[in-house]
Amino acid sequence: MQLRLLAAPLVATAMCAAGCGGIVDPSQNQVETFTGTIAVGGQATPFGFTASKTGEIQVKVTQLTPSSSNTVVGVLWTGRNTSGNCAGSLGVVFGQNIGSVGLPLISTQVLSGSYCLVLYDAGTFTTTETFTATVSHP
């Protein structure tokens, strides 16, 4: 009898998690594409995006032009600032990495919320680079 009393709240909790926006399968993610330019020693204007649910995030730079074989780019994933946008002093840093075109530079769990993405010269640019980046998130 006591087992049934414990099981009922667990079933109710599981049903709520499934129906209340639980974790999203990465194959169901949306993919946003961002483009811009980065000057030598600089950064692109930050981009904002919103994860509607908890799931996985993956950030890739898919194009960097004119890039040489030793050009790497930096990626910074942060929370929005206290005003709720992606300008000025940004919020908490959730991920940062440098790497090459085509590789996942950030790949981890993301909680539902509003975020910013900043791409920057990691010290290898010799000219202004034009980029395309994708962010896969729930």
N, C-alpha and C. Protein backbone atom coordinates (compact mmCIF):
# COMPACT_ATOMS: atom_id res chain seq x y z
N MET A 1 0.82 -1.18 0.00
CA MET A 1 0.00 0.00 0.00
C MET A 1 0.87 1.26 0.00
N GLN A 2 1.94 1.26 0.81
CA GLN A 2 2.80 2.43 0.90
C GLN A 2 3.53 2.66 -0.43
N LEU A 3 3.85 1.60 -1.16
CA LEU A 3 4.51 1.72 -2.46
C LEU A 3 3.62 2.47 -3.45
N ARG A 4 2.31 2.19 -3.47
CA ARG A 4 1.39 2.89 -4.35
C ARG A 4 1.35 4.39 -4.02
N LEU A 5 1.41 4.73 -2.75
CA LEU A 5 1.37 6.13 -2.35
C LEU A 5 2.62 6.87 -2.83
N LEU A 6 3.75 6.19 -2.86
CA LEU A 6 4.97 6.80 -3.36
C LEU A 6 5.00 6.86 -4.88
N ALA A 7 4.41 5.89 -5.55
CA ALA A 7 4.44 5.81 -6.99
C ALA A 7 3.59 6.90 -7.64
N ALA A 8 2.47 7.25 -7.04
CA ALA A 8 1.57 8.25 -7.65
C ALA A 8 2.26 9.60 -7.87
N PRO A 9 2.96 10.15 -6.88
CA PRO A 9 3.64 11.43 -7.13
C PRO A 9 4.74 11.32 -8.19
N LEU A 10 5.42 10.17 -8.25
CA LEU A 10 6.46 9.99 -9.25
C LEU A 10 5.88 9.97 -10.66
N VAL A 11 4.76 9.29 -10.84
CA VAL A 11 4.11 9.23 -12.14
C VAL A 11 3.64 10.63 -12.54
N ALA A 12 3.04 11.35 -11.60
CA ALA A 12 2.56 12.70 -11.88
C ALA A 12 3.72 13.61 -12.27
N THR A 13 4.84 13.49 -11.59
CA THR A 13 6.01 14.30 -11.90
C THR A 13 6.54 13.98 -13.29
N ALA A 14 6.62 12.72 -13.63
CA ALA A 14 7.10 12.30 -14.96
C ALA A 14 6.18 12.80 -16.06
N MET A 15 4.88 12.75 -15.82
CA MET A 15 3.94 13.22 -16.83
C MET A 15 4.06 14.73 -17.02
N CYS A 16 4.26 15.45 -15.95
CA CYS A 16 4.42 16.89 -16.04
C CYS A 16 5.71 17.23 -16.79
N ALA A 17 6.78 16.53 -16.50
CA ALA A 17 8.05 16.79 -17.18
C ALA A 17 7.92 16.56 -18.68
N ALA A 18 7.20 15.53 -19.07
CA ALA A 18 7.02 15.24 -20.49
C ALA A 18 6.12 16.28 -21.14
N GLY A 19 5.07 16.68 -20.46
CA GLY A 19 4.13 17.61 -21.04
C GLY A 19 4.45 19.06 -20.77
N CYS A 20 5.34 19.34 -19.84
CA CYS A 20 5.66 20.72 -19.46
C CYS A 20 6.94 21.20 -20.10
N GLY A 21 7.36 20.60 -21.17
CA GLY A 21 8.55 21.09 -21.85
C GLY A 21 9.82 20.50 -21.32
N GLY A 22 9.92 19.19 -21.27
CA GLY A 22 11.12 18.53 -20.79
C GLY A 22 12.27 18.71 -21.75
N ILE A 23 13.26 17.86 -21.65
CA ILE A 23 14.46 17.94 -22.48
C ILE A 23 14.12 17.64 -23.93
N VAL A 24 14.67 18.43 -24.83
CA VAL A 24 14.42 18.28 -26.26
C VAL A 24 15.50 17.40 -26.88
N ASP A 25 15.08 16.44 -27.70
CA ASP A 25 15.99 15.61 -28.48
C ASP A 25 16.76 16.51 -29.45
N PRO A 26 18.10 16.43 -29.52
CA PRO A 26 18.87 17.30 -30.42
C PRO A 26 18.42 17.25 -31.88
N SER A 27 17.85 16.12 -32.31
CA SER A 27 17.38 16.05 -33.69
C SER A 27 16.17 16.95 -33.93
N GLN A 28 15.55 17.42 -32.84
CA GLN A 28 14.40 18.33 -32.95
C GLN A 28 14.81 19.80 -32.79
N ASN A 29 16.10 20.07 -32.65
CA ASN A 29 16.59 21.43 -32.47
C ASN A 29 16.31 22.31 -33.68
N GLN A 30 16.23 23.61 -33.44
CA GLN A 30 16.22 24.56 -34.53
C GLN A 30 17.65 25.00 -34.76
N VAL A 31 17.96 25.39 -35.98
CA VAL A 31 19.31 25.85 -36.31
C VAL A 31 19.20 27.30 -36.80
N GLU A 32 19.88 28.19 -36.08
CA GLU A 32 19.92 29.59 -36.49
C GLU A 32 21.27 29.86 -37.13
N THR A 33 21.25 30.67 -38.19
CA THR A 33 22.48 31.02 -38.90
C THR A 33 22.75 32.51 -38.70
N PHE A 34 23.99 32.83 -38.35
CA PHE A 34 24.41 34.21 -38.14
C PHE A 34 25.59 34.51 -39.06
N THR A 35 25.63 35.70 -39.60
CA THR A 35 26.73 36.11 -40.47
C THR A 35 27.22 37.49 -40.04
N GLY A 36 28.45 37.78 -40.40
CA GLY A 36 29.02 39.09 -40.08
C GLY A 36 30.48 39.15 -40.43
N THR A 37 31.15 40.16 -39.91
CA THR A 37 32.58 40.32 -40.14
C THR A 37 33.29 40.53 -38.81
N ILE A 38 34.57 40.16 -38.82
CA ILE A 38 35.42 40.35 -37.64
C ILE A 38 36.72 40.97 -38.13
N ALA A 39 37.06 42.13 -37.58
CA ALA A 39 38.32 42.80 -37.93
C ALA A 39 39.47 42.14 -37.18
N VAL A 40 40.68 42.38 -37.65
CA VAL A 40 41.87 41.89 -36.97
C VAL A 40 41.86 42.41 -35.53
N GLY A 41 41.98 41.49 -34.57
CA GLY A 41 41.98 41.86 -33.16
C GLY A 41 40.61 42.23 -32.61
N GLY A 42 39.56 42.07 -33.40
CA GLY A 42 38.23 42.51 -32.98
C GLY A 42 37.24 41.38 -32.76
N GLN A 43 35.99 41.79 -32.68
CA GLN A 43 34.91 40.83 -32.50
C GLN A 43 33.70 41.28 -33.31
N ALA A 44 32.83 40.34 -33.59
CA ALA A 44 31.59 40.64 -34.29
C ALA A 44 30.58 41.21 -33.31
N THR A 45 29.60 41.90 -33.82
CA THR A 45 28.49 42.35 -32.98
C THR A 45 27.83 41.11 -32.41
N PRO A 46 27.58 41.07 -31.10
CA PRO A 46 26.96 39.88 -30.48
C PRO A 46 25.58 39.59 -31.06
N PHE A 47 25.28 38.31 -31.17
CA PHE A 47 23.98 37.84 -31.66
C PHE A 47 23.18 37.27 -30.50
N GLY A 48 21.89 37.51 -30.49
CA GLY A 48 21.03 36.96 -29.46
C GLY A 48 20.24 35.77 -29.98
N PHE A 49 19.99 34.81 -29.11
CA PHE A 49 19.12 33.68 -29.44
C PHE A 49 18.46 33.20 -28.16
N THR A 50 17.36 32.47 -28.31
CA THR A 50 16.61 31.98 -27.16
C THR A 50 16.38 30.49 -27.28
N ALA A 51 16.76 29.75 -26.25
CA ALA A 51 16.48 28.32 -26.17
C ALA A 51 15.12 28.18 -25.47
N SER A 52 14.17 27.57 -26.14
CA SER A 52 12.82 27.49 -25.58
C SER A 52 12.68 26.43 -24.49
N LYS A 53 13.58 25.45 -24.51
CA LYS A 53 13.53 24.36 -23.54
C LYS A 53 14.94 23.92 -23.21
N THR A 54 15.08 23.03 -22.26
CA THR A 54 16.36 22.42 -21.93
C THR A 54 16.71 21.40 -23.01
N GLY A 55 17.96 21.33 -23.38
CA GLY A 55 18.41 20.38 -24.40
C GLY A 55 19.89 20.54 -24.63
N GLU A 56 20.30 20.39 -25.89
CA GLU A 56 21.71 20.52 -26.24
C GLU A 56 21.92 21.68 -27.18
N ILE A 57 23.06 22.33 -27.01
CA ILE A 57 23.47 23.42 -27.90
C ILE A 57 24.73 22.99 -28.63
N GLN A 58 24.82 23.40 -29.90
CA GLN A 58 26.05 23.18 -30.64
C GLN A 58 26.30 24.42 -31.49
N VAL A 59 27.51 24.96 -31.38
CA VAL A 59 27.91 26.14 -32.14
C VAL A 59 29.03 25.74 -33.08
N LYS A 60 28.86 26.09 -34.37
CA LYS A 60 29.89 25.83 -35.38
C LYS A 60 30.09 27.08 -36.21
N VAL A 61 31.32 27.35 -36.59
CA VAL A 61 31.60 28.34 -37.61
C VAL A 61 31.70 27.55 -38.91
N THR A 62 30.80 27.83 -39.84
CA THR A 62 30.75 27.03 -41.07
C THR A 62 31.51 27.67 -42.22
N GLN A 63 31.82 28.96 -42.09
CA GLN A 63 32.58 29.63 -43.14
C GLN A 63 33.36 30.79 -42.55
N LEU A 64 34.58 30.94 -43.00
CA LEU A 64 35.45 32.05 -42.61
C LEU A 64 36.23 32.43 -43.85
N THR A 65 36.02 33.66 -44.36
CA THR A 65 36.61 34.05 -45.64
C THR A 65 37.25 35.42 -45.52
N PRO A 66 38.43 35.66 -46.05
CA PRO A 66 39.38 34.72 -46.64
C PRO A 66 40.26 34.12 -45.56
N SER A 67 40.11 32.91 -45.28
CA SER A 67 40.84 32.29 -44.19
C SER A 67 41.99 31.46 -44.74
N SER A 68 43.06 31.37 -43.96
CA SER A 68 44.16 30.47 -44.33
C SER A 68 44.06 29.22 -43.46
N SER A 69 44.91 28.28 -43.70
CA SER A 69 44.83 27.00 -42.99
C SER A 69 45.10 27.13 -41.49
N ASN A 70 45.78 28.20 -41.06
CA ASN A 70 46.07 28.33 -39.64
C ASN A 70 45.17 29.36 -38.94
N THR A 71 44.09 29.79 -39.59
CA THR A 71 43.19 30.77 -39.00
C THR A 71 42.18 30.06 -38.11
N VAL A 72 42.12 30.48 -36.85
CA VAL A 72 41.11 29.97 -35.93
C VAL A 72 40.28 31.15 -35.43
N VAL A 73 39.10 30.85 -34.96
CA VAL A 73 38.18 31.87 -34.50
C VAL A 73 37.75 31.55 -33.07
N GLY A 74 37.47 32.58 -32.30
CA GLY A 74 37.00 32.38 -30.94
C GLY A 74 35.49 32.53 -30.87
N VAL A 75 34.88 31.76 -29.97
CA VAL A 75 33.43 31.81 -29.75
C VAL A 75 33.19 31.94 -28.25
N LEU A 76 32.30 32.85 -27.91
CA LEU A 76 31.93 33.10 -26.52
C LEU A 76 30.41 33.02 -26.42
N TRP A 77 29.91 32.18 -25.50
CA TRP A 77 28.47 32.00 -25.28
C TRP A 77 28.17 32.53 -23.89
N THR A 78 27.31 33.56 -23.82
CA THR A 78 27.02 34.22 -22.54
C THR A 78 25.53 34.39 -22.33
N GLY A 79 25.20 34.79 -21.13
CA GLY A 79 23.85 35.25 -20.84
C GLY A 79 23.71 36.69 -21.32
N ARG A 80 22.48 37.14 -21.42
CA ARG A 80 22.25 38.54 -21.81
C ARG A 80 22.59 39.47 -20.65
N ASN A 81 22.76 40.75 -20.94
CA ASN A 81 23.09 41.70 -19.88
C ASN A 81 21.86 42.00 -19.01
N THR A 82 22.02 42.85 -18.02
CA THR A 82 20.93 43.13 -17.09
C THR A 82 19.74 43.80 -17.76
N SER A 83 19.95 44.39 -18.92
CA SER A 83 18.83 44.99 -19.68
C SER A 83 18.15 43.98 -20.58
N GLY A 84 18.69 42.75 -20.65
CA GLY A 84 18.09 41.70 -21.47
C GLY A 84 18.51 41.70 -22.92
N ASN A 85 19.60 42.42 -23.25
CA ASN A 85 20.04 42.39 -24.64
C ASN A 85 21.51 41.98 -24.74
N CYS A 86 22.05 42.02 -25.94
CA CYS A 86 23.42 41.56 -26.18
C CYS A 86 24.34 42.73 -26.52
N ALA A 87 24.35 43.74 -25.67
CA ALA A 87 25.21 44.90 -25.88
C ALA A 87 25.89 45.25 -24.56
N GLY A 88 27.01 45.95 -24.66
CA GLY A 88 27.71 46.37 -23.45
C GLY A 88 28.26 45.19 -22.68
N SER A 89 28.21 45.27 -21.36
CA SER A 89 28.70 44.19 -20.51
C SER A 89 27.70 43.04 -20.53
N LEU A 90 28.13 41.92 -21.02
CA LEU A 90 27.23 40.76 -21.12
C LEU A 90 27.17 40.01 -19.81
N GLY A 91 26.30 39.01 -19.75
CA GLY A 91 26.10 38.23 -18.53
C GLY A 91 27.14 37.15 -18.35
N VAL A 92 26.77 36.16 -17.57
CA VAL A 92 27.63 35.03 -17.21
C VAL A 92 28.12 34.30 -18.47
N VAL A 93 29.38 33.90 -18.46
CA VAL A 93 29.94 33.11 -19.57
C VAL A 93 29.60 31.65 -19.33
N PHE A 94 28.92 31.03 -20.31
CA PHE A 94 28.55 29.62 -20.23
C PHE A 94 29.51 28.73 -21.00
N GLY A 95 30.17 29.29 -22.01
CA GLY A 95 31.12 28.50 -22.79
C GLY A 95 32.00 29.41 -23.62
N GLN A 96 33.24 28.98 -23.81
CA GLN A 96 34.19 29.72 -24.64
C GLN A 96 35.17 28.72 -25.22
N ASN A 97 35.51 28.94 -26.50
CA ASN A 97 36.43 28.03 -27.16
C ASN A 97 37.02 28.72 -28.38
N ILE A 98 38.12 28.19 -28.88
CA ILE A 98 38.66 28.62 -30.16
C ILE A 98 38.83 27.38 -31.02
N GLY A 99 38.70 27.56 -32.32
CA GLY A 99 38.85 26.41 -33.19
C GLY A 99 38.71 26.77 -34.65
N SER A 100 38.68 25.74 -35.45
CA SER A 100 38.66 25.87 -36.90
C SER A 100 37.26 25.76 -37.46
N VAL A 101 37.13 26.17 -38.70
CA VAL A 101 35.86 26.09 -39.42
C VAL A 101 35.38 24.64 -39.51
N GLY A 102 34.11 24.44 -39.31
CA GLY A 102 33.48 23.13 -39.49
C GLY A 102 33.45 22.25 -38.26
N LEU A 103 34.20 22.61 -37.22
CA LEU A 103 34.23 21.81 -36.00
C LEU A 103 33.25 22.39 -34.98
N PRO A 104 32.62 21.52 -34.17
CA PRO A 104 31.78 22.06 -33.09
C PRO A 104 32.67 22.78 -32.07
N LEU A 105 32.46 24.08 -31.90
CA LEU A 105 33.27 24.84 -30.96
C LEU A 105 32.65 24.85 -29.58
N ILE A 106 31.34 24.73 -29.52
CA ILE A 106 30.63 24.56 -28.25
C ILE A 106 29.61 23.46 -28.48
N SER A 107 29.58 22.50 -27.58
CA SER A 107 28.63 21.39 -27.67
C SER A 107 28.38 20.89 -26.25
N THR A 108 27.22 21.27 -25.69
CA THR A 108 26.94 20.96 -24.30
C THR A 108 25.45 21.12 -24.03
N GLN A 109 25.06 21.00 -22.78
CA GLN A 109 23.67 21.19 -22.38
C GLN A 109 23.35 22.68 -22.31
N VAL A 110 22.12 23.02 -22.67
CA VAL A 110 21.63 24.39 -22.53
C VAL A 110 20.29 24.33 -21.80
N LEU A 111 20.08 25.26 -20.89
CA LEU A 111 18.80 25.40 -20.20
C LEU A 111 17.96 26.42 -20.96
N SER A 112 16.65 26.36 -20.82
CA SER A 112 15.81 27.34 -21.50
C SER A 112 16.21 28.73 -21.00
N GLY A 113 16.28 29.68 -21.94
CA GLY A 113 16.67 31.03 -21.57
C GLY A 113 17.16 31.81 -22.78
N SER A 114 17.53 33.05 -22.54
CA SER A 114 18.01 33.95 -23.59
C SER A 114 19.52 34.13 -23.46
N TYR A 115 20.21 34.03 -24.59
CA TYR A 115 21.66 34.01 -24.60
C TYR A 115 22.24 34.92 -25.68
N CYS A 116 23.56 35.12 -25.61
CA CYS A 116 24.31 35.88 -26.61
C CYS A 116 25.46 35.03 -27.13
N LEU A 117 25.82 35.27 -28.37
CA LEU A 117 26.95 34.60 -29.00
C LEU A 117 27.86 35.68 -29.57
N VAL A 118 29.16 35.59 -29.24
CA VAL A 118 30.14 36.54 -29.74
C VAL A 118 31.24 35.75 -30.44
N LEU A 119 31.57 36.14 -31.66
CA LEU A 119 32.71 35.56 -32.37
C LEU A 119 33.82 36.60 -32.41
N TYR A 120 35.08 36.14 -32.27
CA TYR A 120 36.19 37.09 -32.18
C TYR A 120 37.47 36.51 -32.78
N ASP A 121 38.40 37.42 -33.11
CA ASP A 121 39.71 37.02 -33.59
C ASP A 121 40.49 36.43 -32.42
N ALA A 122 40.90 35.20 -32.56
CA ALA A 122 41.65 34.51 -31.50
C ALA A 122 43.15 34.76 -31.64
N GLY A 123 43.52 35.76 -32.43
CA GLY A 123 44.94 36.12 -32.58
C GLY A 123 45.58 35.62 -33.84
N THR A 124 44.80 35.09 -34.77
CA THR A 124 45.39 34.55 -36.00
C THR A 124 44.96 35.28 -37.26
N PHE A 125 44.06 36.26 -37.15
CA PHE A 125 43.59 36.98 -38.34
C PHE A 125 44.68 37.90 -38.87
N THR A 126 44.80 37.95 -40.20
CA THR A 126 45.71 38.88 -40.84
C THR A 126 44.93 39.92 -41.65
N THR A 127 43.63 39.71 -41.77
CA THR A 127 42.74 40.62 -42.47
C THR A 127 41.33 40.44 -41.90
N THR A 128 40.44 41.35 -42.23
CA THR A 128 39.05 41.20 -41.80
C THR A 128 38.47 39.93 -42.40
N GLU A 129 37.79 39.16 -41.57
CA GLU A 129 37.20 37.89 -42.00
C GLU A 129 35.67 38.00 -41.99
N THR A 130 35.05 37.43 -43.01
CA THR A 130 33.59 37.30 -43.06
C THR A 130 33.27 35.89 -42.60
N PHE A 131 32.26 35.76 -41.74
CA PHE A 131 31.95 34.44 -41.19
C PHE A 131 30.48 34.09 -41.36
N THR A 132 30.23 32.80 -41.30
CA THR A 132 28.89 32.25 -41.13
C THR A 132 29.00 31.27 -39.98
N ALA A 133 28.09 31.39 -39.01
CA ALA A 133 28.08 30.48 -37.85
C ALA A 133 26.67 29.95 -37.67
N THR A 134 26.58 28.72 -37.16
CA THR A 134 25.27 28.14 -36.86
C THR A 134 25.20 27.80 -35.37
N VAL A 135 24.00 27.98 -34.83
CA VAL A 135 23.72 27.61 -33.44
C VAL A 135 22.52 26.68 -33.47
N SER A 136 22.72 25.45 -33.04
CA SER A 136 21.64 24.46 -32.94
C SER A 136 21.21 24.42 -31.47
N HIS A 137 19.91 24.65 -31.24
CA HIS A 137 19.41 24.69 -29.87
C HIS A 137 17.91 24.38 -29.86
N PRO A 138 17.38 24.00 -28.68
CA PRO A 138 15.95 23.72 -28.61
C PRO A 138 15.13 25.02 -28.71
